[in-house]
Amino acid sequence: MNSQQVIIHVRFAPNGTVVRISERPARLTPHQWFDVLNARAGSAYRPLAGGRGVFRLTRAAVDAFKRETVTP
């Protein structure tokens, strides 16, 4: 089991849309990737000042979420 910690950084526009998010699969928009993470791991999200936030997840969880978003 891989317990490596991954921190996914999120940056929001003043209107609340996601402008930038790390570890994003190429086929998803920044806001779509945020929605995936928020739906599956919302408790791992921490808001920060200045329109930013972070998800703290394991590498295995991030990789699993990415696999779930791939179209067959």
N, C-alpha and C. Protein backbone atom coordinates (compact mmCIF):
# COMPACT_ATOMS: atom_id res chain seq x y z
N MET A 1 0.84 -1.18 0.00
CA MET A 1 0.00 0.00 0.00
C MET A 1 0.88 1.24 0.00
N ASN A 2 0.53 2.20 -0.84
CA ASN A 2 1.30 3.43 -0.96
C ASN A 2 0.67 4.50 -0.08
N SER A 3 1.40 4.99 0.91
CA SER A 3 0.85 5.99 1.82
C SER A 3 1.45 7.37 1.58
N GLN A 4 2.06 7.58 0.41
CA GLN A 4 2.65 8.87 0.08
C GLN A 4 1.57 9.94 0.07
N GLN A 5 1.82 11.05 0.76
CA GLN A 5 0.86 12.16 0.84
C GLN A 5 1.00 13.07 -0.37
N VAL A 6 -0.12 13.46 -0.96
CA VAL A 6 -0.15 14.37 -2.09
C VAL A 6 -0.97 15.58 -1.68
N ILE A 7 -0.46 16.77 -1.95
CA ILE A 7 -1.20 18.00 -1.68
C ILE A 7 -1.61 18.60 -3.02
N ILE A 8 -2.91 18.68 -3.24
CA ILE A 8 -3.44 19.24 -4.47
C ILE A 8 -3.85 20.68 -4.18
N HIS A 9 -3.21 21.60 -4.86
CA HIS A 9 -3.46 23.03 -4.65
C HIS A 9 -4.57 23.50 -5.59
N VAL A 10 -5.47 24.32 -5.05
CA VAL A 10 -6.59 24.87 -5.81
C VAL A 10 -6.54 26.39 -5.72
N ARG A 11 -6.77 27.06 -6.85
CA ARG A 11 -6.86 28.52 -6.87
C ARG A 11 -8.19 28.90 -7.50
N PHE A 12 -8.90 29.78 -6.82
CA PHE A 12 -10.23 30.22 -7.26
C PHE A 12 -10.20 31.63 -7.80
N ALA A 13 -11.09 31.91 -8.77
CA ALA A 13 -11.33 33.27 -9.26
C ALA A 13 -12.26 33.96 -8.26
N PRO A 14 -12.36 35.28 -8.30
CA PRO A 14 -13.26 35.98 -7.39
C PRO A 14 -14.73 35.52 -7.47
N ASN A 15 -15.14 35.00 -8.62
CA ASN A 15 -16.53 34.53 -8.75
C ASN A 15 -16.73 33.10 -8.27
N GLY A 16 -15.67 32.44 -7.76
CA GLY A 16 -15.78 31.11 -7.20
C GLY A 16 -15.43 29.97 -8.15
N THR A 17 -15.18 30.26 -9.41
CA THR A 17 -14.78 29.19 -10.32
C THR A 17 -13.32 28.82 -10.06
N VAL A 18 -12.99 27.59 -10.37
CA VAL A 18 -11.62 27.12 -10.18
C VAL A 18 -10.78 27.53 -11.38
N VAL A 19 -9.71 28.25 -11.12
CA VAL A 19 -8.83 28.73 -12.17
C VAL A 19 -7.69 27.75 -12.41
N ARG A 20 -7.16 27.18 -11.33
CA ARG A 20 -6.01 26.29 -11.43
C ARG A 20 -6.11 25.24 -10.33
N ILE A 21 -5.76 24.00 -10.68
CA ILE A 21 -5.75 22.91 -9.71
C ILE A 21 -4.69 21.89 -10.15
N SER A 22 -3.91 21.42 -9.22
CA SER A 22 -2.83 20.48 -9.57
C SER A 22 -3.35 19.06 -9.73
N GLU A 23 -2.53 18.22 -10.35
CA GLU A 23 -2.83 16.80 -10.58
C GLU A 23 -4.05 16.58 -11.48
N ARG A 24 -4.43 17.57 -12.26
CA ARG A 24 -5.64 17.50 -13.08
C ARG A 24 -5.44 16.64 -14.31
N PRO A 25 -6.34 15.68 -14.56
CA PRO A 25 -6.30 14.93 -15.81
C PRO A 25 -6.57 15.88 -16.98
N ALA A 26 -5.92 15.67 -18.09
CA ALA A 26 -6.00 16.58 -19.23
C ALA A 26 -7.41 16.73 -19.78
N ARG A 27 -8.23 15.71 -19.68
CA ARG A 27 -9.56 15.78 -20.28
C ARG A 27 -10.58 16.54 -19.44
N LEU A 28 -10.23 16.91 -18.22
CA LEU A 28 -11.15 17.63 -17.34
C LEU A 28 -10.75 19.10 -17.22
N THR A 29 -11.76 19.95 -17.08
CA THR A 29 -11.49 21.35 -16.78
C THR A 29 -11.08 21.45 -15.31
N PRO A 30 -10.47 22.55 -14.91
CA PRO A 30 -10.12 22.70 -13.50
C PRO A 30 -11.33 22.54 -12.57
N HIS A 31 -12.47 23.11 -12.96
CA HIS A 31 -13.65 23.02 -12.09
C HIS A 31 -14.21 21.59 -12.04
N GLN A 32 -14.16 20.87 -13.16
CA GLN A 32 -14.61 19.47 -13.16
C GLN A 32 -13.76 18.62 -12.24
N TRP A 33 -12.44 18.81 -12.26
CA TRP A 33 -11.55 18.04 -11.40
C TRP A 33 -11.82 18.38 -9.93
N PHE A 34 -12.06 19.65 -9.63
CA PHE A 34 -12.41 20.05 -8.27
C PHE A 34 -13.70 19.35 -7.84
N ASP A 35 -14.70 19.30 -8.73
CA ASP A 35 -15.96 18.64 -8.40
C ASP A 35 -15.76 17.16 -8.11
N VAL A 36 -14.91 16.48 -8.88
CA VAL A 36 -14.61 15.06 -8.65
C VAL A 36 -14.00 14.89 -7.26
N LEU A 37 -12.98 15.69 -6.96
CA LEU A 37 -12.31 15.57 -5.67
C LEU A 37 -13.24 15.93 -4.52
N ASN A 38 -14.03 16.96 -4.70
CA ASN A 38 -14.94 17.40 -3.65
C ASN A 38 -16.01 16.34 -3.38
N ALA A 39 -16.51 15.69 -4.42
CA ALA A 39 -17.53 14.66 -4.26
C ALA A 39 -16.98 13.41 -3.57
N ARG A 40 -15.74 13.05 -3.89
CA ARG A 40 -15.18 11.79 -3.38
C ARG A 40 -14.32 11.95 -2.14
N ALA A 41 -13.79 13.16 -1.92
CA ALA A 41 -12.88 13.37 -0.78
C ALA A 41 -13.04 14.76 -0.19
N GLY A 42 -14.27 15.22 -0.09
CA GLY A 42 -14.54 16.56 0.41
C GLY A 42 -13.99 16.82 1.81
N SER A 43 -13.92 15.79 2.63
CA SER A 43 -13.40 15.96 3.99
C SER A 43 -11.90 16.21 4.01
N ALA A 44 -11.22 15.96 2.89
CA ALA A 44 -9.77 16.17 2.81
C ALA A 44 -9.43 17.59 2.35
N TYR A 45 -10.46 18.41 2.09
CA TYR A 45 -10.24 19.77 1.60
C TYR A 45 -10.11 20.75 2.76
N ARG A 46 -9.16 21.67 2.63
CA ARG A 46 -8.98 22.75 3.60
C ARG A 46 -8.88 24.07 2.86
N PRO A 47 -9.78 25.02 3.16
CA PRO A 47 -9.68 26.34 2.53
C PRO A 47 -8.52 27.14 3.10
N LEU A 48 -7.93 27.96 2.27
CA LEU A 48 -6.86 28.86 2.68
C LEU A 48 -7.25 30.29 2.30
N ALA A 49 -6.53 31.25 2.80
CA ALA A 49 -6.79 32.65 2.48
C ALA A 49 -6.42 32.95 1.04
N GLY A 50 -6.97 34.02 0.51
CA GLY A 50 -6.57 34.49 -0.82
C GLY A 50 -7.14 33.69 -1.97
N GLY A 51 -8.30 33.07 -1.79
CA GLY A 51 -8.90 32.31 -2.89
C GLY A 51 -8.18 31.02 -3.21
N ARG A 52 -7.65 30.38 -2.18
CA ARG A 52 -6.90 29.13 -2.38
C ARG A 52 -7.41 28.05 -1.45
N GLY A 53 -7.03 26.82 -1.73
CA GLY A 53 -7.35 25.70 -0.87
C GLY A 53 -6.48 24.51 -1.23
N VAL A 54 -6.52 23.48 -0.40
CA VAL A 54 -5.74 22.27 -0.67
C VAL A 54 -6.54 21.03 -0.31
N PHE A 55 -6.31 19.98 -1.07
CA PHE A 55 -6.76 18.63 -0.73
C PHE A 55 -5.52 17.88 -0.29
N ARG A 56 -5.57 17.19 0.83
CA ARG A 56 -4.47 16.33 1.28
C ARG A 56 -4.94 14.88 1.16
N LEU A 57 -4.36 14.18 0.20
CA LEU A 57 -4.78 12.83 -0.13
C LEU A 57 -3.57 11.92 -0.29
N THR A 58 -3.82 10.62 -0.28
CA THR A 58 -2.74 9.68 -0.57
C THR A 58 -2.57 9.59 -2.09
N ARG A 59 -1.40 9.20 -2.52
CA ARG A 59 -1.13 9.02 -3.95
C ARG A 59 -2.09 7.98 -4.53
N ALA A 60 -2.35 6.91 -3.77
CA ALA A 60 -3.26 5.86 -4.25
C ALA A 60 -4.66 6.41 -4.50
N ALA A 61 -5.14 7.28 -3.63
CA ALA A 61 -6.48 7.86 -3.80
C ALA A 61 -6.52 8.76 -5.04
N VAL A 62 -5.52 9.60 -5.22
CA VAL A 62 -5.48 10.49 -6.38
C VAL A 62 -5.45 9.67 -7.67
N ASP A 63 -4.61 8.65 -7.70
CA ASP A 63 -4.54 7.80 -8.90
C ASP A 63 -5.87 7.09 -9.16
N ALA A 64 -6.55 6.66 -8.12
CA ALA A 64 -7.85 6.01 -8.28
C ALA A 64 -8.88 6.98 -8.84
N PHE A 65 -8.90 8.21 -8.34
CA PHE A 65 -9.84 9.22 -8.85
C PHE A 65 -9.55 9.52 -10.31
N LYS A 66 -8.28 9.58 -10.68
CA LYS A 66 -7.92 9.82 -12.08
C LYS A 66 -8.41 8.67 -12.96
N ARG A 67 -8.22 7.43 -12.51
CA ARG A 67 -8.68 6.27 -13.29
C ARG A 67 -10.19 6.29 -13.47
N GLU A 68 -10.92 6.72 -12.44
CA GLU A 68 -12.39 6.75 -12.51
C GLU A 68 -12.88 7.75 -13.55
N THR A 69 -12.09 8.78 -13.84
CA THR A 69 -12.52 9.82 -14.78
C THR A 69 -12.16 9.50 -16.22
N VAL A 70 -11.40 8.42 -16.45
CA VAL A 70 -10.99 8.06 -17.81
C VAL A 70 -12.16 7.37 -18.53
N THR A 71 -12.39 7.80 -19.75
CA THR A 71 -13.45 7.20 -20.56
C THR A 71 -12.94 5.91 -21.19
N PRO A 72 -13.72 4.84 -21.12
CA PRO A 72 -13.26 3.57 -21.72
C PRO A 72 -13.10 3.65 -23.22
